[in-house]
Amino acid sequence: MKNSLFLLVFSFVLFSCGAKKNGVSTSRKSISKADKVVANALHYEGVKYKYGGTTKRGMDCSGVIYVAFGEENFQLPRVSREMAKEGKKITLKKVAKGDLLFFKTRKSYKNINHVGLVVSNKNGQIRFIHSTTSKGVIVSLLSQKYWAKAFVKATRVL
């Protein structure tokens, strides 16, 4: 009886080392710089819009990106039109988590005036986080008519 109980407890301990908790493996998984930057940006989801803002009290589009990268000691220029000069231009087919999307939201604008950070690209559905004047820091789909029409280019800085 004692041997059976010992074997049962020993088996439980042995097999529980690789167990999953809430469907997530408890083993250490390497977290990429892109994962960290996106997590940083998502931390600000819901923050109201504030021109020039870089805090929880308010953020503009480039402020979210600037802070998210800065928290990982990766320095980018502060404004979207300057950010657009960094990194390597990539096609939308190659866009991945952590890449930047740039927009011209008005035809009268000569320069890029908006930036977003790619959260995911699943089956061509590109989700990105950014800050809008009406809704603050939100996640949007690039396929939405407004953003698809305003899209200029994507870059990879990581």
N, C-alpha and C. Protein backbone atom coordinates (compact mmCIF):
# COMPACT_ATOMS: atom_id res chain seq x y z
N MET A 1 0.83 -1.20 0.00
CA MET A 1 0.00 0.00 0.00
C MET A 1 0.86 1.26 0.00
N LYS A 2 1.91 1.27 0.89
CA LYS A 2 2.79 2.44 0.94
C LYS A 2 3.53 2.60 -0.38
N ASN A 3 3.95 1.47 -0.97
CA ASN A 3 4.65 1.53 -2.25
C ASN A 3 3.74 2.08 -3.34
N SER A 4 2.50 1.67 -3.36
CA SER A 4 1.55 2.16 -4.37
C SER A 4 1.31 3.66 -4.21
N LEU A 5 1.14 4.10 -2.99
CA LEU A 5 0.94 5.53 -2.73
C LEU A 5 2.18 6.31 -3.14
N PHE A 6 3.35 5.81 -2.80
CA PHE A 6 4.61 6.46 -3.16
C PHE A 6 4.73 6.57 -4.68
N LEU A 7 4.44 5.50 -5.40
CA LEU A 7 4.51 5.52 -6.87
C LEU A 7 3.52 6.51 -7.46
N LEU A 8 2.33 6.56 -6.90
CA LEU A 8 1.32 7.50 -7.38
C LEU A 8 1.78 8.93 -7.20
N VAL A 9 2.27 9.27 -6.01
CA VAL A 9 2.75 10.64 -5.73
C VAL A 9 3.96 10.95 -6.60
N PHE A 10 4.92 10.01 -6.70
CA PHE A 10 6.12 10.22 -7.49
C PHE A 10 5.75 10.46 -8.96
N SER A 11 4.81 9.68 -9.50
CA SER A 11 4.37 9.84 -10.89
C SER A 11 3.73 11.21 -11.10
N PHE A 12 2.91 11.61 -10.17
CA PHE A 12 2.26 12.92 -10.27
C PHE A 12 3.30 14.04 -10.33
N VAL A 13 4.28 14.01 -9.45
CA VAL A 13 5.33 15.03 -9.41
C VAL A 13 6.14 15.00 -10.69
N LEU A 14 6.50 13.80 -11.13
CA LEU A 14 7.32 13.66 -12.33
C LEU A 14 6.62 14.22 -13.56
N PHE A 15 5.37 13.87 -13.74
CA PHE A 15 4.65 14.31 -14.94
C PHE A 15 4.12 15.73 -14.84
N SER A 16 4.01 16.28 -13.66
CA SER A 16 3.51 17.65 -13.53
C SER A 16 4.57 18.68 -13.88
N CYS A 17 5.82 18.30 -13.97
CA CYS A 17 6.89 19.24 -14.29
C CYS A 17 6.72 19.85 -15.67
N GLY A 18 6.14 19.13 -16.59
CA GLY A 18 5.95 19.65 -17.94
C GLY A 18 4.51 20.01 -18.20
N ALA A 19 3.73 20.13 -17.16
CA ALA A 19 2.30 20.39 -17.31
C ALA A 19 2.03 21.79 -17.83
N LYS A 20 0.83 21.96 -18.30
CA LYS A 20 0.39 23.27 -18.76
C LYS A 20 -0.52 23.88 -17.71
N LYS A 21 -0.44 25.18 -17.58
CA LYS A 21 -1.30 25.91 -16.66
C LYS A 21 -2.17 26.82 -17.50
N ASN A 22 -3.47 26.66 -17.42
CA ASN A 22 -4.42 27.44 -18.19
C ASN A 22 -4.14 27.35 -19.69
N GLY A 23 -3.69 26.16 -20.14
CA GLY A 23 -3.45 25.97 -21.56
C GLY A 23 -2.13 26.55 -22.04
N VAL A 24 -1.32 27.10 -21.17
CA VAL A 24 -0.05 27.71 -21.56
C VAL A 24 1.07 26.89 -20.94
N SER A 25 2.06 26.55 -21.74
CA SER A 25 3.18 25.77 -21.24
C SER A 25 3.91 26.53 -20.16
N THR A 26 4.30 25.81 -19.11
CA THR A 26 5.01 26.47 -18.01
C THR A 26 6.51 26.51 -18.26
N SER A 27 6.97 25.92 -19.37
CA SER A 27 8.39 25.99 -19.68
C SER A 27 8.71 27.40 -20.17
N ARG A 28 9.96 27.81 -19.99
CA ARG A 28 10.36 29.16 -20.40
C ARG A 28 10.44 29.24 -21.92
N LYS A 29 9.80 30.24 -22.47
CA LYS A 29 9.80 30.45 -23.90
C LYS A 29 10.49 31.78 -24.17
N SER A 30 11.31 31.80 -25.18
CA SER A 30 12.01 33.03 -25.53
C SER A 30 11.01 34.05 -26.06
N ILE A 31 11.05 35.24 -25.52
CA ILE A 31 10.16 36.31 -25.96
C ILE A 31 10.97 37.26 -26.84
N SER A 32 10.49 37.49 -28.06
CA SER A 32 11.22 38.33 -29.01
C SER A 32 11.08 39.80 -28.65
N LYS A 33 11.96 40.60 -29.20
CA LYS A 33 11.91 42.06 -29.01
C LYS A 33 10.58 42.59 -29.56
N ALA A 34 10.13 42.05 -30.69
CA ALA A 34 8.84 42.48 -31.27
C ALA A 34 7.70 42.19 -30.31
N ASP A 35 7.70 41.01 -29.68
CA ASP A 35 6.67 40.66 -28.70
C ASP A 35 6.65 41.67 -27.56
N LYS A 36 7.82 42.03 -27.08
CA LYS A 36 7.93 42.97 -25.96
C LYS A 36 7.44 44.36 -26.36
N VAL A 37 7.84 44.83 -27.53
CA VAL A 37 7.42 46.16 -28.00
C VAL A 37 5.90 46.20 -28.16
N VAL A 38 5.33 45.18 -28.76
CA VAL A 38 3.87 45.14 -28.95
C VAL A 38 3.16 45.09 -27.60
N ALA A 39 3.67 44.29 -26.68
CA ALA A 39 3.07 44.23 -25.33
C ALA A 39 3.13 45.59 -24.67
N ASN A 40 4.24 46.30 -24.83
CA ASN A 40 4.37 47.65 -24.26
C ASN A 40 3.29 48.57 -24.84
N ALA A 41 3.11 48.53 -26.14
CA ALA A 41 2.12 49.39 -26.79
C ALA A 41 0.70 49.04 -26.33
N LEU A 42 0.41 47.74 -26.27
CA LEU A 42 -0.94 47.31 -25.85
C LEU A 42 -1.25 47.74 -24.42
N HIS A 43 -0.23 47.95 -23.63
CA HIS A 43 -0.40 48.43 -22.25
C HIS A 43 -1.10 49.80 -22.22
N TYR A 44 -0.98 50.54 -23.33
CA TYR A 44 -1.57 51.88 -23.40
C TYR A 44 -2.93 51.91 -24.11
N GLU A 45 -3.43 50.74 -24.50
CA GLU A 45 -4.73 50.70 -25.16
C GLU A 45 -5.78 51.35 -24.26
N GLY A 46 -6.59 52.23 -24.85
CA GLY A 46 -7.62 52.93 -24.10
C GLY A 46 -7.21 54.32 -23.62
N VAL A 47 -5.93 54.63 -23.69
CA VAL A 47 -5.46 55.97 -23.29
C VAL A 47 -5.99 56.99 -24.29
N LYS A 48 -6.46 58.13 -23.80
CA LYS A 48 -7.03 59.14 -24.69
C LYS A 48 -5.95 59.77 -25.57
N TYR A 49 -6.41 60.40 -26.65
CA TYR A 49 -5.50 61.08 -27.57
C TYR A 49 -5.07 62.42 -26.99
N LYS A 50 -3.80 62.72 -27.14
CA LYS A 50 -3.29 64.04 -26.80
C LYS A 50 -2.14 64.34 -27.74
N TYR A 51 -2.27 65.41 -28.50
CA TYR A 51 -1.21 65.80 -29.44
C TYR A 51 0.10 65.98 -28.69
N GLY A 52 1.14 65.28 -29.14
CA GLY A 52 2.45 65.37 -28.51
C GLY A 52 2.59 64.54 -27.25
N GLY A 53 1.53 63.83 -26.86
CA GLY A 53 1.53 63.08 -25.61
C GLY A 53 2.32 61.79 -25.64
N THR A 54 2.95 61.48 -24.51
CA THR A 54 3.73 60.24 -24.39
C THR A 54 3.52 59.57 -23.02
N THR A 55 2.38 59.86 -22.39
CA THR A 55 2.10 59.28 -21.07
C THR A 55 0.68 58.72 -21.03
N LYS A 56 0.34 58.08 -19.91
CA LYS A 56 -1.01 57.54 -19.73
C LYS A 56 -2.07 58.64 -19.69
N ARG A 57 -1.63 59.87 -19.51
CA ARG A 57 -2.58 60.99 -19.51
C ARG A 57 -3.04 61.34 -20.92
N GLY A 58 -2.30 60.86 -21.93
CA GLY A 58 -2.65 61.10 -23.32
C GLY A 58 -1.48 60.85 -24.25
N MET A 59 -1.79 60.31 -25.42
CA MET A 59 -0.75 59.97 -26.40
C MET A 59 -1.24 60.24 -27.81
N ASP A 60 -0.30 60.64 -28.66
CA ASP A 60 -0.61 60.69 -30.08
C ASP A 60 -0.05 59.43 -30.74
N CYS A 61 -0.25 59.27 -32.05
CA CYS A 61 0.14 58.02 -32.72
C CYS A 61 1.63 57.72 -32.60
N SER A 62 2.46 58.71 -32.86
CA SER A 62 3.90 58.45 -32.78
C SER A 62 4.36 58.34 -31.33
N GLY A 63 3.62 58.93 -30.41
CA GLY A 63 3.95 58.83 -28.99
C GLY A 63 3.84 57.39 -28.50
N VAL A 64 2.81 56.68 -28.92
CA VAL A 64 2.63 55.27 -28.54
C VAL A 64 3.82 54.45 -29.03
N ILE A 65 4.18 54.66 -30.27
CA ILE A 65 5.27 53.89 -30.89
C ILE A 65 6.61 54.24 -30.23
N TYR A 66 6.84 55.52 -30.07
CA TYR A 66 8.08 56.01 -29.47
C TYR A 66 8.29 55.43 -28.07
N VAL A 67 7.25 55.43 -27.26
CA VAL A 67 7.32 54.92 -25.89
C VAL A 67 7.48 53.39 -25.89
N ALA A 68 6.70 52.69 -26.72
CA ALA A 68 6.76 51.22 -26.75
C ALA A 68 8.16 50.73 -27.11
N PHE A 69 8.78 51.35 -28.10
CA PHE A 69 10.15 50.97 -28.48
C PHE A 69 11.15 51.45 -27.43
N GLY A 70 10.94 52.64 -26.92
CA GLY A 70 11.85 53.21 -25.92
C GLY A 70 11.93 52.37 -24.66
N GLU A 71 10.83 51.75 -24.27
CA GLU A 71 10.82 50.89 -23.08
C GLU A 71 11.70 49.66 -23.27
N GLU A 72 12.07 49.38 -24.50
CA GLU A 72 12.99 48.27 -24.80
C GLU A 72 14.36 48.81 -25.23
N ASN A 73 14.62 50.07 -24.87
CA ASN A 73 15.90 50.73 -25.19
C ASN A 73 16.19 50.75 -26.69
N PHE A 74 15.15 50.91 -27.47
CA PHE A 74 15.28 51.04 -28.93
C PHE A 74 14.76 52.42 -29.29
N GLN A 75 15.66 53.30 -29.67
CA GLN A 75 15.29 54.69 -29.93
C GLN A 75 14.85 54.91 -31.37
N LEU A 76 13.69 55.52 -31.51
CA LEU A 76 13.16 55.95 -32.80
C LEU A 76 12.97 57.46 -32.74
N PRO A 77 12.91 58.11 -33.90
CA PRO A 77 12.56 59.54 -33.89
C PRO A 77 11.18 59.73 -33.26
N ARG A 78 10.88 60.90 -32.81
CA ARG A 78 9.63 61.15 -32.09
C ARG A 78 8.40 61.30 -32.99
N VAL A 79 8.57 61.75 -34.22
CA VAL A 79 7.41 62.02 -35.08
C VAL A 79 7.33 61.02 -36.24
N SER A 80 6.12 60.75 -36.70
CA SER A 80 5.87 59.70 -37.69
C SER A 80 6.61 59.93 -39.00
N ARG A 81 6.67 61.16 -39.50
CA ARG A 81 7.35 61.37 -40.79
C ARG A 81 8.84 61.07 -40.71
N GLU A 82 9.43 61.24 -39.52
CA GLU A 82 10.85 60.90 -39.31
C GLU A 82 11.01 59.40 -39.06
N MET A 83 10.06 58.80 -38.35
CA MET A 83 10.09 57.34 -38.14
C MET A 83 10.07 56.62 -39.48
N ALA A 84 9.35 57.18 -40.44
CA ALA A 84 9.19 56.56 -41.75
C ALA A 84 10.51 56.45 -42.51
N LYS A 85 11.50 57.20 -42.10
CA LYS A 85 12.82 57.16 -42.75
C LYS A 85 13.71 56.06 -42.18
N GLU A 86 13.26 55.43 -41.09
CA GLU A 86 14.05 54.39 -40.42
C GLU A 86 13.69 53.01 -40.95
N GLY A 87 14.61 52.08 -40.82
CA GLY A 87 14.34 50.68 -41.15
C GLY A 87 14.33 50.37 -42.62
N LYS A 88 13.82 49.19 -42.94
CA LYS A 88 13.77 48.68 -44.30
C LYS A 88 12.33 48.57 -44.76
N LYS A 89 12.03 49.10 -45.93
CA LYS A 89 10.69 49.02 -46.49
C LYS A 89 10.38 47.56 -46.82
N ILE A 90 9.17 47.12 -46.47
CA ILE A 90 8.74 45.75 -46.73
C ILE A 90 7.35 45.74 -47.37
N THR A 91 7.02 44.64 -48.03
CA THR A 91 5.68 44.51 -48.63
C THR A 91 4.69 44.09 -47.55
N LEU A 92 3.43 44.31 -47.81
CA LEU A 92 2.38 43.92 -46.86
C LEU A 92 2.35 42.40 -46.65
N LYS A 93 2.73 41.64 -47.66
CA LYS A 93 2.77 40.18 -47.51
C LYS A 93 3.80 39.75 -46.48
N LYS A 94 4.84 40.56 -46.29
CA LYS A 94 5.91 40.21 -45.35
C LYS A 94 5.76 40.88 -43.99
N VAL A 95 4.73 41.68 -43.81
CA VAL A 95 4.52 42.39 -42.55
C VAL A 95 4.32 41.40 -41.41
N ALA A 96 4.99 41.69 -40.28
CA ALA A 96 4.90 40.84 -39.10
C ALA A 96 4.78 41.70 -37.85
N LYS A 97 4.48 41.04 -36.74
CA LYS A 97 4.39 41.70 -35.45
C LYS A 97 5.64 42.55 -35.21
N GLY A 98 5.42 43.81 -34.81
CA GLY A 98 6.54 44.71 -34.52
C GLY A 98 6.92 45.63 -35.66
N ASP A 99 6.38 45.39 -36.85
CA ASP A 99 6.66 46.27 -37.99
C ASP A 99 5.82 47.54 -37.89
N LEU A 100 6.23 48.56 -38.61
CA LEU A 100 5.53 49.85 -38.58
C LEU A 100 4.75 50.07 -39.87
N LEU A 101 3.57 50.66 -39.76
CA LEU A 101 2.73 51.03 -40.90
C LEU A 101 2.61 52.54 -40.92
N PHE A 102 2.75 53.13 -42.11
CA PHE A 102 2.69 54.59 -42.23
C PHE A 102 1.56 55.01 -43.16
N PHE A 103 0.98 56.16 -42.82
CA PHE A 103 -0.22 56.64 -43.51
C PHE A 103 -0.14 58.14 -43.80
N LYS A 104 -0.88 58.55 -44.84
CA LYS A 104 -1.22 59.95 -45.09
C LYS A 104 -2.73 59.99 -44.96
N THR A 105 -3.22 60.65 -43.93
CA THR A 105 -4.66 60.60 -43.67
C THR A 105 -5.44 61.69 -44.38
N ARG A 106 -4.74 62.59 -45.07
CA ARG A 106 -5.42 63.62 -45.86
C ARG A 106 -4.68 63.79 -47.18
N LYS A 107 -5.43 63.92 -48.25
CA LYS A 107 -4.81 64.09 -49.57
C LYS A 107 -3.96 65.35 -49.64
N SER A 108 -4.34 66.36 -48.88
CA SER A 108 -3.60 67.63 -48.93
C SER A 108 -2.24 67.54 -48.22
N TYR A 109 -2.02 66.48 -47.45
CA TYR A 109 -0.74 66.32 -46.75
C TYR A 109 0.32 65.79 -47.72
N LYS A 110 1.47 66.45 -47.72
CA LYS A 110 2.56 65.99 -48.56
C LYS A 110 3.36 64.89 -47.87
N ASN A 111 3.37 64.93 -46.54
CA ASN A 111 4.17 63.99 -45.77
C ASN A 111 3.32 62.98 -45.02
N ILE A 112 3.95 61.90 -44.64
CA ILE A 112 3.33 60.92 -43.76
C ILE A 112 2.97 61.63 -42.46
N ASN A 113 1.78 61.35 -41.95
CA ASN A 113 1.34 62.01 -40.71
C ASN A 113 0.75 61.06 -39.68
N HIS A 114 0.85 59.75 -39.94
CA HIS A 114 0.27 58.79 -39.00
C HIS A 114 1.08 57.50 -39.04
N VAL A 115 1.20 56.85 -37.87
CA VAL A 115 1.95 55.60 -37.78
C VAL A 115 1.21 54.63 -36.86
N GLY A 116 1.36 53.35 -37.18
CA GLY A 116 0.80 52.28 -36.35
C GLY A 116 1.82 51.16 -36.23
N LEU A 117 1.65 50.35 -35.20
CA LEU A 117 2.53 49.22 -34.91
C LEU A 117 1.76 47.92 -35.14
N VAL A 118 2.30 47.04 -35.97
CA VAL A 118 1.63 45.78 -36.27
C VAL A 118 1.58 44.90 -35.03
N VAL A 119 0.36 44.50 -34.67
CA VAL A 119 0.11 43.60 -33.54
C VAL A 119 0.10 42.16 -34.03
N SER A 120 -0.48 41.93 -35.22
CA SER A 120 -0.52 40.59 -35.79
C SER A 120 -0.82 40.66 -37.28
N ASN A 121 -0.43 39.60 -37.97
CA ASN A 121 -0.78 39.42 -39.38
C ASN A 121 -1.14 37.95 -39.55
N LYS A 122 -2.44 37.68 -39.49
CA LYS A 122 -2.92 36.31 -39.63
C LYS A 122 -3.78 36.21 -40.87
N ASN A 123 -3.34 35.39 -41.80
CA ASN A 123 -4.06 35.18 -43.06
C ASN A 123 -4.32 36.50 -43.78
N GLY A 124 -3.36 37.39 -43.74
CA GLY A 124 -3.49 38.68 -44.43
C GLY A 124 -4.31 39.71 -43.68
N GLN A 125 -4.84 39.37 -42.52
CA GLN A 125 -5.58 40.31 -41.68
C GLN A 125 -4.57 41.00 -40.76
N ILE A 126 -4.21 42.21 -41.10
CA ILE A 126 -3.20 42.94 -40.36
C ILE A 126 -3.87 43.83 -39.32
N ARG A 127 -3.56 43.55 -38.05
CA ARG A 127 -4.05 44.36 -36.93
C ARG A 127 -2.91 45.24 -36.46
N PHE A 128 -3.22 46.50 -36.17
CA PHE A 128 -2.19 47.42 -35.71
C PHE A 128 -2.72 48.33 -34.60
N ILE A 129 -1.81 48.73 -33.72
CA ILE A 129 -2.17 49.64 -32.62
C ILE A 129 -1.67 51.03 -32.97
N HIS A 130 -2.49 52.02 -32.65
CA HIS A 130 -2.19 53.41 -32.95
C HIS A 130 -3.08 54.29 -32.10
N SER A 131 -2.93 55.59 -32.24
CA SER A 131 -3.80 56.51 -31.50
C SER A 131 -4.52 57.41 -32.48
N THR A 132 -5.85 57.51 -32.30
CA THR A 132 -6.65 58.38 -33.16
C THR A 132 -7.23 59.52 -32.33
N THR A 133 -7.49 60.63 -32.99
CA THR A 133 -8.01 61.79 -32.27
C THR A 133 -9.38 61.50 -31.66
N SER A 134 -10.16 60.62 -32.29
CA SER A 134 -11.51 60.35 -31.80
C SER A 134 -11.59 59.25 -30.73
N LYS A 135 -10.74 58.24 -30.81
CA LYS A 135 -10.87 57.09 -29.91
C LYS A 135 -9.64 56.82 -29.05
N GLY A 136 -8.58 57.60 -29.22
CA GLY A 136 -7.37 57.36 -28.45
C GLY A 136 -6.63 56.13 -28.95
N VAL A 137 -5.92 55.45 -28.05
CA VAL A 137 -5.10 54.30 -28.43
C VAL A 137 -6.00 53.08 -28.62
N ILE A 138 -6.02 52.58 -29.85
CA ILE A 138 -6.88 51.46 -30.23
C ILE A 138 -6.14 50.50 -31.15
N VAL A 139 -6.73 49.33 -31.35
CA VAL A 139 -6.25 48.38 -32.34
C VAL A 139 -7.25 48.39 -33.50
N SER A 140 -6.73 48.51 -34.72
CA SER A 140 -7.56 48.56 -35.92
C SER A 140 -7.09 47.52 -36.92
N LEU A 141 -7.92 47.30 -37.93
CA LEU A 141 -7.56 46.42 -39.05
C LEU A 141 -7.13 47.27 -40.24
N LEU A 142 -6.03 46.91 -40.86
CA LEU A 142 -5.57 47.65 -42.05
C LEU A 142 -6.58 47.52 -43.18
N SER A 143 -7.37 46.46 -43.18
CA SER A 143 -8.36 46.24 -44.24
C SER A 143 -9.56 47.20 -44.15
N GLN A 144 -9.69 47.92 -43.03
CA GLN A 144 -10.78 48.91 -42.95
C GLN A 144 -10.55 49.94 -44.05
N LYS A 145 -11.62 50.32 -44.71
CA LYS A 145 -11.53 51.18 -45.89
C LYS A 145 -10.69 52.44 -45.65
N TYR A 146 -10.91 53.11 -44.55
CA TYR A 146 -10.19 54.36 -44.25
C TYR A 146 -8.68 54.12 -44.20
N TRP A 147 -8.26 53.07 -43.47
CA TRP A 147 -6.82 52.82 -43.30
C TRP A 147 -6.20 52.26 -44.57
N ALA A 148 -6.93 51.42 -45.30
CA ALA A 148 -6.41 50.87 -46.55
C ALA A 148 -6.14 51.99 -47.56
N LYS A 149 -7.04 52.95 -47.60
CA LYS A 149 -6.90 54.07 -48.54
C LYS A 149 -5.76 55.01 -48.14
N ALA A 150 -5.55 55.19 -46.86
CA ALA A 150 -4.52 56.12 -46.37
C ALA A 150 -3.13 55.49 -46.29
N PHE A 151 -3.04 54.17 -46.41
CA PHE A 151 -1.76 53.46 -46.26
C PHE A 151 -0.73 53.91 -47.29
N VAL A 152 0.52 54.11 -46.81
CA VAL A 152 1.62 54.51 -47.69
C VAL A 152 2.68 53.41 -47.79
N LYS A 153 3.17 52.95 -46.63
CA LYS A 153 4.22 51.94 -46.66
C LYS A 153 4.37 51.26 -45.30
N ALA A 154 5.10 50.14 -45.32
CA ALA A 154 5.43 49.40 -44.11
C ALA A 154 6.95 49.31 -44.02
N THR A 155 7.47 49.38 -42.77
CA THR A 155 8.90 49.22 -42.58
C THR A 155 9.20 48.27 -41.41
N ARG A 156 10.37 47.67 -41.47
CA ARG A 156 10.84 46.81 -40.39
C ARG A 156 12.06 47.49 -39.76
N VAL A 157 11.95 47.80 -38.48
CA VAL A 157 13.05 48.44 -37.77
C VAL A 157 13.75 47.50 -36.79
N LEU A 158 13.13 46.39 -36.46
CA LEU A 158 13.75 45.42 -35.55
C LEU A 158 14.50 44.35 -36.32
